[in-house]
Amino acid sequence: METKAVIGPVSQMQMRNYRFSKAFLGINGIDKQYGFTTPDTEEAAIKRIAIENAAQSYVVADASKFKQVSFVKVCDIEDCGIISHNVPSEIKRNLKDSTTIWEAE
């Protein structure tokens, strides 16, 4: 799966020098047990750095990403809020103690 992400050691070095008030990240999988996941190890590394260097971090994902697990864990579900659309009530109930979900209209 191609994600068109900027990745690799040089990107990681540069990213470590930046600080963010907010980080908005795309993701491939959202699962209560396995957290936020992506298929690419280097993409996961860049996302981890962005989360570490941000005051607040948000995952932006459509409802199809819930209950999906990809190859590499980016972080725990508690580490980011979620911005999505049409999230099923069952999923919202399941995650309410772990993270905050904002629904776009």
N, C-alpha and C. Protein backbone atom coordinates (compact mmCIF):
# COMPACT_ATOMS: atom_id res chain seq x y z
N MET A 1 0.85 -1.18 0.00
CA MET A 1 0.00 0.00 0.00
C MET A 1 0.89 1.24 0.00
N GLU A 2 0.67 2.14 -0.92
CA GLU A 2 1.44 3.38 -1.01
C GLU A 2 0.70 4.49 -0.27
N THR A 3 1.44 5.21 0.61
CA THR A 3 0.81 6.26 1.41
C THR A 3 1.28 7.66 1.05
N LYS A 4 2.31 7.78 0.23
CA LYS A 4 2.88 9.07 -0.18
C LYS A 4 3.41 9.87 1.02
N ALA A 5 3.86 9.16 2.05
CA ALA A 5 4.40 9.80 3.25
C ALA A 5 5.86 10.17 3.02
N VAL A 6 6.30 11.23 3.67
CA VAL A 6 7.71 11.61 3.68
C VAL A 6 8.35 10.85 4.84
N ILE A 7 9.29 9.94 4.51
CA ILE A 7 9.84 9.05 5.53
C ILE A 7 11.35 8.91 5.37
N GLY A 8 11.96 8.20 6.29
CA GLY A 8 13.38 7.89 6.22
C GLY A 8 14.19 8.61 7.28
N PRO A 9 15.48 8.26 7.39
CA PRO A 9 16.34 8.81 8.44
C PRO A 9 16.49 10.33 8.38
N VAL A 10 16.62 10.91 7.20
CA VAL A 10 16.76 12.36 7.09
C VAL A 10 15.48 13.05 7.56
N SER A 11 14.35 12.52 7.16
CA SER A 11 13.06 13.08 7.61
C SER A 11 12.93 12.99 9.12
N GLN A 12 13.36 11.88 9.70
CA GLN A 12 13.29 11.72 11.15
C GLN A 12 14.18 12.73 11.86
N MET A 13 15.40 12.94 11.35
CA MET A 13 16.30 13.93 11.95
C MET A 13 15.68 15.32 11.90
N GLN A 14 15.13 15.68 10.76
CA GLN A 14 14.51 17.00 10.62
C GLN A 14 13.29 17.13 11.52
N MET A 15 12.46 16.12 11.58
CA MET A 15 11.23 16.16 12.37
C MET A 15 11.53 16.36 13.85
N ARG A 16 12.64 15.81 14.33
CA ARG A 16 13.00 15.96 15.75
C ARG A 16 13.26 17.41 16.13
N ASN A 17 13.54 18.27 15.17
CA ASN A 17 13.82 19.68 15.44
C ASN A 17 12.57 20.55 15.49
N TYR A 18 11.43 19.99 15.16
CA TYR A 18 10.19 20.77 15.10
C TYR A 18 9.34 20.54 16.34
N ARG A 19 8.60 21.57 16.73
CA ARG A 19 7.62 21.48 17.81
C ARG A 19 6.29 21.95 17.25
N PHE A 20 5.22 21.29 17.65
CA PHE A 20 3.90 21.58 17.11
C PHE A 20 2.91 21.85 18.23
N SER A 21 2.01 22.78 18.02
CA SER A 21 0.92 22.94 18.98
C SER A 21 -0.09 21.80 18.78
N LYS A 22 -0.30 21.41 17.52
CA LYS A 22 -1.22 20.32 17.20
C LYS A 22 -0.64 19.49 16.05
N ALA A 23 -0.79 18.19 16.15
CA ALA A 23 -0.41 17.28 15.07
C ALA A 23 -1.67 16.55 14.60
N PHE A 24 -1.91 16.55 13.29
CA PHE A 24 -3.03 15.83 12.69
C PHE A 24 -2.45 14.74 11.81
N LEU A 25 -2.80 13.50 12.11
CA LEU A 25 -2.18 12.36 11.43
C LEU A 25 -3.22 11.46 10.79
N GLY A 26 -2.92 10.99 9.59
CA GLY A 26 -3.72 9.95 8.98
C GLY A 26 -3.25 8.60 9.53
N ILE A 27 -4.10 7.60 9.46
CA ILE A 27 -3.76 6.29 10.04
C ILE A 27 -4.50 5.21 9.27
N ASN A 28 -3.99 3.99 9.31
CA ASN A 28 -4.62 2.88 8.59
C ASN A 28 -5.49 2.00 9.47
N GLY A 29 -5.16 1.93 10.76
CA GLY A 29 -5.94 1.08 11.66
C GLY A 29 -6.11 1.71 13.02
N ILE A 30 -7.31 1.53 13.60
CA ILE A 30 -7.62 2.00 14.95
C ILE A 30 -8.24 0.83 15.71
N ASP A 31 -7.57 0.42 16.78
CA ASP A 31 -8.05 -0.72 17.55
C ASP A 31 -7.76 -0.46 19.03
N LYS A 32 -8.73 -0.72 19.89
CA LYS A 32 -8.56 -0.43 21.32
C LYS A 32 -7.35 -1.15 21.90
N GLN A 33 -7.17 -2.41 21.56
CA GLN A 33 -6.06 -3.19 22.11
C GLN A 33 -4.72 -2.85 21.45
N TYR A 34 -4.69 -2.73 20.13
CA TYR A 34 -3.44 -2.55 19.40
C TYR A 34 -3.11 -1.09 19.09
N GLY A 35 -4.02 -0.19 19.38
CA GLY A 35 -3.76 1.24 19.17
C GLY A 35 -3.91 1.66 17.72
N PHE A 36 -3.12 2.68 17.36
CA PHE A 36 -3.12 3.21 16.00
C PHE A 36 -2.01 2.52 15.22
N THR A 37 -2.33 2.03 14.02
CA THR A 37 -1.35 1.25 13.26
C THR A 37 -1.27 1.72 11.81
N THR A 38 -0.14 1.39 11.19
CA THR A 38 0.14 1.75 9.80
C THR A 38 0.93 0.60 9.16
N PRO A 39 0.95 0.47 7.84
CA PRO A 39 1.66 -0.65 7.23
C PRO A 39 3.18 -0.45 7.10
N ASP A 40 3.68 0.75 7.35
CA ASP A 40 5.08 1.07 7.05
C ASP A 40 5.85 1.45 8.32
N THR A 41 6.98 0.78 8.57
CA THR A 41 7.76 1.03 9.79
C THR A 41 8.33 2.45 9.84
N GLU A 42 8.81 2.95 8.71
CA GLU A 42 9.39 4.30 8.70
C GLU A 42 8.32 5.37 8.85
N GLU A 43 7.16 5.13 8.28
CA GLU A 43 6.04 6.06 8.46
C GLU A 43 5.61 6.09 9.93
N ALA A 44 5.60 4.93 10.57
CA ALA A 44 5.27 4.87 12.00
C ALA A 44 6.27 5.67 12.82
N ALA A 45 7.54 5.59 12.47
CA ALA A 45 8.58 6.33 13.20
C ALA A 45 8.36 7.84 13.09
N ILE A 46 8.06 8.33 11.90
CA ILE A 46 7.80 9.77 11.70
C ILE A 46 6.58 10.20 12.51
N LYS A 47 5.54 9.40 12.48
CA LYS A 47 4.32 9.74 13.22
C LYS A 47 4.58 9.76 14.72
N ARG A 48 5.39 8.82 15.21
CA ARG A 48 5.73 8.83 16.64
C ARG A 48 6.46 10.11 17.04
N ILE A 49 7.38 10.55 16.21
CA ILE A 49 8.12 11.79 16.50
C ILE A 49 7.16 12.98 16.51
N ALA A 50 6.25 13.03 15.54
CA ALA A 50 5.28 14.13 15.49
C ALA A 50 4.43 14.15 16.76
N ILE A 51 3.99 12.98 17.21
CA ILE A 51 3.18 12.89 18.43
C ILE A 51 3.98 13.34 19.64
N GLU A 52 5.22 12.88 19.75
CA GLU A 52 6.08 13.26 20.88
C GLU A 52 6.33 14.77 20.92
N ASN A 53 6.43 15.40 19.76
CA ASN A 53 6.78 16.82 19.68
C ASN A 53 5.57 17.75 19.61
N ALA A 54 4.39 17.21 19.74
CA ALA A 54 3.17 18.02 19.66
C ALA A 54 2.53 18.16 21.05
N ALA A 55 1.99 19.34 21.30
CA ALA A 55 1.25 19.55 22.55
C ALA A 55 -0.03 18.72 22.55
N GLN A 56 -0.67 18.61 21.38
CA GLN A 56 -1.89 17.80 21.23
C GLN A 56 -1.79 17.04 19.91
N SER A 57 -2.26 15.80 19.92
CA SER A 57 -2.21 14.97 18.71
C SER A 57 -3.58 14.40 18.40
N TYR A 58 -3.91 14.41 17.12
CA TYR A 58 -5.21 13.93 16.64
C TYR A 58 -5.00 13.00 15.45
N VAL A 59 -5.76 11.92 15.43
CA VAL A 59 -5.81 11.05 14.27
C VAL A 59 -7.07 11.42 13.49
N VAL A 60 -6.91 11.62 12.19
CA VAL A 60 -8.04 11.92 11.31
C VAL A 60 -8.25 10.68 10.45
N ALA A 61 -9.42 10.05 10.60
CA ALA A 61 -9.67 8.79 9.90
C ALA A 61 -11.15 8.60 9.67
N ASP A 62 -11.48 7.97 8.54
CA ASP A 62 -12.89 7.65 8.31
C ASP A 62 -13.27 6.42 9.13
N ALA A 63 -14.55 6.18 9.24
CA ALA A 63 -15.05 5.11 10.11
C ALA A 63 -14.57 3.71 9.71
N SER A 64 -14.14 3.53 8.47
CA SER A 64 -13.67 2.21 8.04
C SER A 64 -12.36 1.80 8.71
N LYS A 65 -11.65 2.72 9.32
CA LYS A 65 -10.36 2.41 9.97
C LYS A 65 -10.53 1.78 11.35
N PHE A 66 -11.72 1.94 11.95
CA PHE A 66 -11.96 1.36 13.27
C PHE A 66 -12.01 -0.16 13.19
N LYS A 67 -11.50 -0.80 14.24
CA LYS A 67 -11.43 -2.26 14.33
C LYS A 67 -10.53 -2.85 13.24
N GLN A 68 -9.60 -2.05 12.73
CA GLN A 68 -8.62 -2.51 11.77
C GLN A 68 -7.24 -2.47 12.43
N VAL A 69 -6.40 -3.44 12.12
CA VAL A 69 -5.03 -3.48 12.64
C VAL A 69 -4.10 -3.64 11.46
N SER A 70 -3.15 -2.73 11.34
CA SER A 70 -2.14 -2.80 10.29
C SER A 70 -0.84 -3.35 10.89
N PHE A 71 0.22 -3.36 10.14
CA PHE A 71 1.46 -4.04 10.49
C PHE A 71 2.22 -3.45 11.68
N VAL A 72 2.32 -2.11 11.75
CA VAL A 72 3.18 -1.46 12.74
C VAL A 72 2.37 -0.56 13.66
N LYS A 73 2.60 -0.70 14.95
CA LYS A 73 1.94 0.17 15.93
C LYS A 73 2.62 1.54 15.95
N VAL A 74 1.80 2.59 15.87
CA VAL A 74 2.30 3.96 15.97
C VAL A 74 2.29 4.38 17.44
N CYS A 75 1.16 4.20 18.10
CA CYS A 75 1.04 4.57 19.51
C CYS A 75 -0.23 3.95 20.10
N ASP A 76 -0.38 4.10 21.41
CA ASP A 76 -1.57 3.61 22.09
C ASP A 76 -2.77 4.48 21.77
N ILE A 77 -3.94 3.93 21.92
CA ILE A 77 -5.20 4.64 21.63
C ILE A 77 -5.35 5.88 22.51
N GLU A 78 -4.79 5.86 23.71
CA GLU A 78 -4.89 6.99 24.64
C GLU A 78 -4.02 8.18 24.23
N ASP A 79 -3.09 7.98 23.31
CA ASP A 79 -2.13 9.03 22.96
C ASP A 79 -2.66 10.10 22.01
N CYS A 80 -3.78 9.84 21.35
CA CYS A 80 -4.33 10.80 20.38
C CYS A 80 -5.86 10.84 20.47
N GLY A 81 -6.41 12.02 20.24
CA GLY A 81 -7.84 12.12 20.02
C GLY A 81 -8.14 11.68 18.59
N ILE A 82 -9.39 11.42 18.30
CA ILE A 82 -9.78 10.95 16.97
C ILE A 82 -10.81 11.89 16.38
N ILE A 83 -10.58 12.29 15.13
CA ILE A 83 -11.55 13.07 14.36
C ILE A 83 -12.04 12.17 13.23
N SER A 84 -13.34 11.94 13.18
CA SER A 84 -13.90 11.01 12.20
C SER A 84 -15.30 11.45 11.81
N HIS A 85 -16.01 10.55 11.15
CA HIS A 85 -17.36 10.83 10.67
C HIS A 85 -18.15 9.52 10.68
N ASN A 86 -19.39 9.59 11.13
CA ASN A 86 -20.29 8.42 11.14
C ASN A 86 -19.71 7.23 11.91
N VAL A 87 -19.15 7.49 13.07
CA VAL A 87 -18.61 6.40 13.89
C VAL A 87 -19.78 5.65 14.54
N PRO A 88 -19.83 4.33 14.38
CA PRO A 88 -20.91 3.56 14.99
C PRO A 88 -20.94 3.74 16.51
N SER A 89 -22.14 3.76 17.07
CA SER A 89 -22.33 3.96 18.51
C SER A 89 -21.57 2.93 19.34
N GLU A 90 -21.54 1.70 18.89
CA GLU A 90 -20.82 0.63 19.60
C GLU A 90 -19.34 0.97 19.77
N ILE A 91 -18.73 1.50 18.72
CA ILE A 91 -17.31 1.86 18.78
C ILE A 91 -17.11 3.04 19.72
N LYS A 92 -17.97 4.04 19.64
CA LYS A 92 -17.86 5.19 20.55
C LYS A 92 -17.95 4.75 22.00
N ARG A 93 -18.89 3.86 22.31
CA ARG A 93 -19.03 3.36 23.68
C ARG A 93 -17.77 2.60 24.11
N ASN A 94 -17.24 1.79 23.21
CA ASN A 94 -16.07 0.97 23.51
C ASN A 94 -14.82 1.82 23.78
N LEU A 95 -14.71 2.97 23.12
CA LEU A 95 -13.50 3.79 23.24
C LEU A 95 -13.64 4.98 24.18
N LYS A 96 -14.83 5.22 24.73
CA LYS A 96 -15.07 6.45 25.49
C LYS A 96 -14.16 6.62 26.70
N ASP A 97 -13.69 5.55 27.31
CA ASP A 97 -12.78 5.65 28.45
C ASP A 97 -11.31 5.72 28.04
N SER A 98 -11.03 5.54 26.75
CA SER A 98 -9.65 5.50 26.27
C SER A 98 -9.22 6.75 25.51
N THR A 99 -10.15 7.38 24.80
CA THR A 99 -9.81 8.54 23.98
C THR A 99 -11.07 9.37 23.74
N THR A 100 -10.89 10.52 23.13
CA THR A 100 -12.02 11.37 22.76
C THR A 100 -12.22 11.28 21.25
N ILE A 101 -13.47 11.16 20.84
CA ILE A 101 -13.80 11.12 19.41
C ILE A 101 -14.63 12.36 19.09
N TRP A 102 -14.15 13.14 18.12
CA TRP A 102 -14.92 14.27 17.59
C TRP A 102 -15.44 13.85 16.23
N GLU A 103 -16.72 14.11 15.99
CA GLU A 103 -17.30 13.73 14.70
C GLU A 103 -17.54 14.96 13.84
N ALA A 104 -16.95 14.93 12.65
CA ALA A 104 -17.17 15.99 11.67
C ALA A 104 -18.53 15.78 11.02
N GLU A 105 -19.13 16.86 10.61
CA GLU A 105 -20.43 16.75 9.93
C GLU A 105 -20.28 16.90 8.45
